[in-house]
Amino acid sequence: MIVAHPDERRVELFRALGGRLVPVQPAPTGELASEVLGIALRTVDGKLEITWSGGSAVV
């Protein structure tokens, strides 16, 4: 589950583990990686950057 906090300009990523949602810890680069979705999320200058194999988008 991805939770966006637009007022704070940040996102949280959770994964299901044993019937519970557990927060994904950011990598040293600040990225939150989802192996299931095949994406990485991070905020850059107050915008959300989504990267995947072969591409990226800033929203």
PDB file of N, CA and C in Angstrom:
ATOM      1  N   MET A   1       0.843  -1.162   0.000  1.00  0.00           N
ATOM      2  CA  MET A   1       0.000   0.000   0.000  1.00  0.00           C
ATOM      3  C   MET A   1       0.896   1.234   0.000  1.00  0.00           C
ATOM      4  N   ILE A   2       0.548   2.184  -0.841  1.00  0.00           N
ATOM      5  CA  ILE A   2       1.256   3.459  -0.903  1.00  0.00           C
ATOM      6  C   ILE A   2       0.370   4.511  -0.260  1.00  0.00           C
ATOM      7  N   VAL A   3       0.918   5.246   0.693  1.00  0.00           N
ATOM      8  CA  VAL A   3       0.190   6.328   1.359  1.00  0.00           C
ATOM      9  C   VAL A   3       0.892   7.634   1.023  1.00  0.00           C
ATOM     10  N   ALA A   4       0.158   8.540   0.390  1.00  0.00           N
ATOM     11  CA  ALA A   4       0.716   9.848   0.036  1.00  0.00           C
ATOM     12  C   ALA A   4       0.240  10.896   1.027  1.00  0.00           C
ATOM     13  N   HIS A   5       1.150  11.734   1.461  1.00  0.00           N
ATOM     14  CA  HIS A   5       0.863  12.858   2.357  1.00  0.00           C
ATOM     15  C   HIS A   5       1.162  14.139   1.578  1.00  0.00           C
ATOM     16  N   PRO A   6       0.191  14.640   0.804  1.00  0.00           N
ATOM     17  CA  PRO A   6       0.466  15.785  -0.075  1.00  0.00           C
ATOM     18  C   PRO A   6       0.866  17.058   0.668  1.00  0.00           C
ATOM     19  N   ASP A   7       0.301  17.287   1.841  1.00  0.00           N
ATOM     20  CA  ASP A   7       0.651  18.506   2.578  1.00  0.00           C
ATOM     21  C   ASP A   7       2.089  18.469   3.081  1.00  0.00           C
ATOM     22  N   GLU A   8       2.564  17.268   3.384  1.00  0.00           N
ATOM     23  CA  GLU A   8       3.927  17.101   3.891  1.00  0.00           C
ATOM     24  C   GLU A   8       4.916  16.743   2.788  1.00  0.00           C
ATOM     25  N   ARG A   9       4.404  16.524   1.572  1.00  0.00           N
ATOM     26  CA  ARG A   9       5.237  16.181   0.416  1.00  0.00           C
ATOM     27  C   ARG A   9       6.081  14.935   0.666  1.00  0.00           C
ATOM     28  N   ARG A  10       5.421  13.861   1.165  1.00  0.00           N
ATOM     29  CA  ARG A  10       6.134  12.609   1.393  1.00  0.00           C
ATOM     30  C   ARG A  10       5.202  11.434   1.150  1.00  0.00           C
ATOM     31  N   VAL A  11       5.791  10.259   0.982  1.00  0.00           N
ATOM     32  CA  VAL A  11       5.023   9.032   0.787  1.00  0.00           C
ATOM     33  C   VAL A  11       5.512   7.975   1.760  1.00  0.00           C
ATOM     34  N   GLU A  12       4.633   7.028   2.036  1.00  0.00           N
ATOM     35  CA  GLU A  12       4.978   5.862   2.832  1.00  0.00           C
ATOM     36  C   GLU A  12       4.606   4.633   2.022  1.00  0.00           C
ATOM     37  N   LEU A  13       5.363   3.564   2.207  1.00  0.00           N
ATOM     38  CA  LEU A  13       5.093   2.317   1.524  1.00  0.00           C
ATOM     39  C   LEU A  13       4.989   1.216   2.570  1.00  0.00           C
ATOM     40  N   PHE A  14       3.945   0.402   2.455  1.00  0.00           N
ATOM     41  CA  PHE A  14       3.731  -0.702   3.380  1.00  0.00           C
ATOM     42  C   PHE A  14       3.630  -1.998   2.589  1.00  0.00           C
ATOM     43  N   ARG A  15       4.060  -3.099   3.208  1.00  0.00           N
ATOM     44  CA  ARG A  15       3.904  -4.406   2.581  1.00  0.00           C
ATOM     45  C   ARG A  15       3.173  -5.335   3.535  1.00  0.00           C
ATOM     46  N   ALA A  16       2.450  -6.291   2.977  1.00  0.00           N
ATOM     47  CA  ALA A  16       1.712  -7.255   3.782  1.00  0.00           C
ATOM     48  C   ALA A  16       2.680  -8.334   4.261  1.00  0.00           C
ATOM     49  N   LEU A  17       2.632  -8.604   5.559  1.00  0.00           N
ATOM     50  CA  LEU A  17       3.483  -9.624   6.150  1.00  0.00           C
ATOM     51  C   LEU A  17       2.700 -10.299   7.270  1.00  0.00           C
ATOM     52  N   GLY A  18       2.348 -11.546   7.069  1.00  0.00           N
ATOM     53  CA  GLY A  18       1.612 -12.274   8.107  1.00  0.00           C
ATOM     54  C   GLY A  18       0.267 -11.654   8.431  1.00  0.00           C
ATOM     55  N   GLY A  19      -0.420 -11.118   7.436  1.00  0.00           N
ATOM     56  CA  GLY A  19      -1.731 -10.523   7.663  1.00  0.00           C
ATOM     57  C   GLY A  19      -1.690  -9.105   8.212  1.00  0.00           C
ATOM     58  N   ARG A  20      -0.508  -8.534   8.333  1.00  0.00           N
ATOM     59  CA  ARG A  20      -0.365  -7.164   8.834  1.00  0.00           C
ATOM     60  C   ARG A  20       0.368  -6.321   7.805  1.00  0.00           C
ATOM     61  N   LEU A  21       0.167  -5.009   7.883  1.00  0.00           N
ATOM     62  CA  LEU A  21       0.900  -4.081   7.030  1.00  0.00           C
ATOM     63  C   LEU A  21       2.125  -3.585   7.787  1.00  0.00           C
ATOM     64  N   VAL A  22       3.277  -3.741   7.158  1.00  0.00           N
ATOM     65  CA  VAL A  22       4.550  -3.383   7.775  1.00  0.00           C
ATOM     66  C   VAL A  22       5.196  -2.281   6.935  1.00  0.00           C
ATOM     67  N   PRO A  23       5.673  -1.194   7.563  1.00  0.00           N
ATOM     68  CA  PRO A  23       6.301  -0.124   6.782  1.00  0.00           C
ATOM     69  C   PRO A  23       7.600  -0.588   6.131  1.00  0.00           C
ATOM     70  N   VAL A  24       7.807  -0.172   4.896  1.00  0.00           N
ATOM     71  CA  VAL A  24       9.055  -0.440   4.180  1.00  0.00           C
ATOM     72  C   VAL A  24      10.052   0.645   4.572  1.00  0.00           C
ATOM     73  N   GLN A  25      11.238   0.221   4.946  1.00  0.00           N
ATOM     74  CA  GLN A  25      12.273   1.169   5.339  1.00  0.00           C
ATOM     75  C   GLN A  25      12.982   1.705   4.097  1.00  0.00           C
ATOM     76  N   PRO A  26      13.274   2.996   4.068  1.00  0.00           N
ATOM     77  CA  PRO A  26      13.951   3.561   2.899  1.00  0.00           C
ATOM     78  C   PRO A  26      15.405   3.081   2.796  1.00  0.00           C
ATOM     79  N   ALA A  27      15.877   2.991   1.565  1.00  0.00           N
ATOM     80  CA  ALA A  27      17.287   2.699   1.298  1.00  0.00           C
ATOM     81  C   ALA A  27      18.117   3.922   1.691  1.00  0.00           C
ATOM     82  N   PRO A  28      19.433   3.788   1.767  1.00  0.00           N
ATOM     83  CA  PRO A  28      20.284   4.952   2.080  1.00  0.00           C
ATOM     84  C   PRO A  28      20.064   6.133   1.127  1.00  0.00           C
ATOM     85  N   THR A  29      19.601   5.856  -0.084  1.00  0.00           N
ATOM     86  CA  THR A  29      19.336   6.915  -1.061  1.00  0.00           C
ATOM     87  C   THR A  29      17.986   7.593  -0.826  1.00  0.00           C
ATOM     88  N   GLY A  30      17.200   7.049   0.124  1.00  0.00           N
ATOM     89  CA  GLY A  30      15.880   7.612   0.405  1.00  0.00           C
ATOM     90  C   GLY A  30      14.764   6.949  -0.373  1.00  0.00           C
ATOM     91  N   GLU A  31      15.098   6.006  -1.242  1.00  0.00           N
ATOM     92  CA  GLU A  31      14.088   5.333  -2.049  1.00  0.00           C
ATOM     93  C   GLU A  31      13.340   4.278  -1.246  1.00  0.00           C
ATOM     94  N   LEU A  32      12.052   4.171  -1.537  1.00  0.00           N
ATOM     95  CA  LEU A  32      11.221   3.098  -1.013  1.00  0.00           C
ATOM     96  C   LEU A  32      10.955   2.148  -2.175  1.00  0.00           C
ATOM     97  N   ALA A  33      11.431   0.912  -2.077  1.00  0.00           N
ATOM     98  CA  ALA A  33      11.324  -0.033  -3.183  1.00  0.00           C
ATOM     99  C   ALA A  33      10.203  -1.034  -2.955  1.00  0.00           C
ATOM    100  N   SER A  34       9.435  -1.281  -4.008  1.00  0.00           N
ATOM    101  CA  SER A  34       8.410  -2.320  -4.003  1.00  0.00           C
ATOM    102  C   SER A  34       8.800  -3.379  -5.018  1.00  0.00           C
ATOM    103  N   GLU A  35       9.164  -4.561  -4.532  1.00  0.00           N
ATOM    104  CA  GLU A  35       9.512  -5.652  -5.428  1.00  0.00           C
ATOM    105  C   GLU A  35       8.275  -6.146  -6.174  1.00  0.00           C
ATOM    106  N   VAL A  36       7.121  -6.132  -5.515  1.00  0.00           N
ATOM    107  CA  VAL A  36       5.875  -6.607  -6.128  1.00  0.00           C
ATOM    108  C   VAL A  36       5.483  -5.728  -7.313  1.00  0.00           C
ATOM    109  N   LEU A  37       5.555  -4.409  -7.138  1.00  0.00           N
ATOM    110  CA  LEU A  37       5.191  -3.488  -8.213  1.00  0.00           C
ATOM    111  C   LEU A  37       6.346  -3.221  -9.175  1.00  0.00           C
ATOM    112  N   GLY A  38       7.565  -3.524  -8.743  1.00  0.00           N
ATOM    113  CA  GLY A  38       8.734  -3.262  -9.586  1.00  0.00           C
ATOM    114  C   GLY A  38       9.045  -1.793  -9.721  1.00  0.00           C
ATOM    115  N   ILE A  39       8.798  -1.022  -8.646  1.00  0.00           N
ATOM    116  CA  ILE A  39       9.041   0.422  -8.675  1.00  0.00           C
ATOM    117  C   ILE A  39       9.825   0.858  -7.447  1.00  0.00           C
ATOM    118  N   ALA A  40      10.370   2.054  -7.532  1.00  0.00           N
ATOM    119  CA  ALA A  40      10.985   2.724  -6.392  1.00  0.00           C
ATOM    120  C   ALA A  40      10.384   4.120  -6.309  1.00  0.00           C
ATOM    121  N   LEU A  41      10.103   4.567  -5.104  1.00  0.00           N
ATOM    122  CA  LEU A  41       9.493   5.876  -4.852  1.00  0.00           C
ATOM    123  C   LEU A  41      10.438   6.722  -4.022  1.00  0.00           C
ATOM    124  N   ARG A  42      10.482   8.007  -4.331  1.00  0.00           N
ATOM    125  CA  ARG A  42      11.199   8.959  -3.475  1.00  0.00           C
ATOM    126  C   ARG A  42      10.698  10.355  -3.800  1.00  0.00           C
ATOM    127  N   THR A  43      10.909  11.268  -2.871  1.00  0.00           N
ATOM    128  CA  THR A  43      10.545  12.656  -3.128  1.00  0.00           C
ATOM    129  C   THR A  43      11.802  13.436  -3.495  1.00  0.00           C
ATOM    130  N   VAL A  44      11.653  14.269  -4.521  1.00  0.00           N
ATOM    131  CA  VAL A  44      12.749  15.108  -5.011  1.00  0.00           C
ATOM    132  C   VAL A  44      12.203  16.517  -5.168  1.00  0.00           C
ATOM    133  N   ASP A  45      12.751  17.454  -4.427  1.00  0.00           N
ATOM    134  CA  ASP A  45      12.304  18.851  -4.491  1.00  0.00           C
ATOM    135  C   ASP A  45      10.785  18.970  -4.324  1.00  0.00           C
ATOM    136  N   GLY A  46      10.230  18.185  -3.402  1.00  0.00           N
ATOM    137  CA  GLY A  46       8.798  18.257  -3.114  1.00  0.00           C
ATOM    138  C   GLY A  46       7.908  17.538  -4.110  1.00  0.00           C
ATOM    139  N   LYS A  47       8.497  16.793  -5.051  1.00  0.00           N
ATOM    140  CA  LYS A  47       7.712  16.047  -6.035  1.00  0.00           C
ATOM    141  C   LYS A  47       8.014  14.558  -5.897  1.00  0.00           C
ATOM    142  N   LEU A  48       7.036  13.752  -6.272  1.00  0.00           N
ATOM    143  CA  LEU A  48       7.186  12.309  -6.194  1.00  0.00           C
ATOM    144  C   LEU A  48       7.864  11.788  -7.454  1.00  0.00           C
ATOM    145  N   GLU A  49       8.959  11.077  -7.272  1.00  0.00           N
ATOM    146  CA  GLU A  49       9.643  10.430  -8.388  1.00  0.00           C
ATOM    147  C   GLU A  49       9.382   8.931  -8.298  1.00  0.00           C
ATOM    148  N   ILE A  50       8.892   8.362  -9.395  1.00  0.00           N
ATOM    149  CA  ILE A  50       8.638   6.932  -9.487  1.00  0.00           C
ATOM    150  C   ILE A  50       9.569   6.388 -10.564  1.00  0.00           C
ATOM    151  N   THR A  51      10.363   5.378 -10.206  1.00  0.00           N
ATOM    152  CA  THR A  51      11.256   4.777 -11.187  1.00  0.00           C
ATOM    153  C   THR A  51      10.947   3.292 -11.308  1.00  0.00           C
ATOM    154  N   TRP A  52      11.175   2.770 -12.508  1.00  0.00           N
ATOM    155  CA  TRP A  52      10.990   1.350 -12.783  1.00  0.00           C
ATOM    156  C   TRP A  52      12.001   0.966 -13.852  1.00  0.00           C
ATOM    157  N   SER A  53      12.112  -0.310 -14.096  1.00  0.00           N
ATOM    158  CA  SER A  53      13.047  -0.771 -15.104  1.00  0.00           C
ATOM    159  C   SER A  53      12.696  -0.164 -16.460  1.00  0.00           C
ATOM    160  N   GLY A  54      13.572   0.668 -16.952  1.00  0.00           N
ATOM    161  CA  GLY A  54      13.358   1.269 -18.266  1.00  0.00           C
ATOM    162  C   GLY A  54      12.646   2.602 -18.265  1.00  0.00           C
ATOM    163  N   GLY A  55      12.365   3.176 -17.084  1.00  0.00           N
ATOM    164  CA  GLY A  55      11.689   4.467 -17.121  1.00  0.00           C
ATOM    165  C   GLY A  55      11.533   5.124 -15.763  1.00  0.00           C
ATOM    166  N   SER A  56      10.972   6.313 -15.784  1.00  0.00           N
ATOM    167  CA  SER A  56      10.709   7.059 -14.555  1.00  0.00           C
ATOM    168  C   SER A  56       9.695   8.159 -14.858  1.00  0.00           C
ATOM    169  N   ALA A  57       9.110   8.670 -13.797  1.00  0.00           N
ATOM    170  CA  ALA A  57       8.162   9.788 -13.924  1.00  0.00           C
ATOM    171  C   ALA A  57       8.250  10.620 -12.657  1.00  0.00           C
ATOM    172  N   VAL A  58       8.030  11.909 -12.810  1.00  0.00           N
ATOM    173  CA  VAL A  58       7.975  12.836 -11.672  1.00  0.00           C
ATOM    174  C   VAL A  58       6.583  13.455 -11.681  1.00  0.00           C
ATOM    175  N   VAL A  59       5.900  13.349 -10.535  1.00  0.00           N
ATOM    176  CA  VAL A  59       4.544  13.899 -10.425  1.00  0.00           C
ATOM    177  C   VAL A  59       4.438  14.806  -9.218  1.00  0.00           C
TER     178      VAL A  59
END
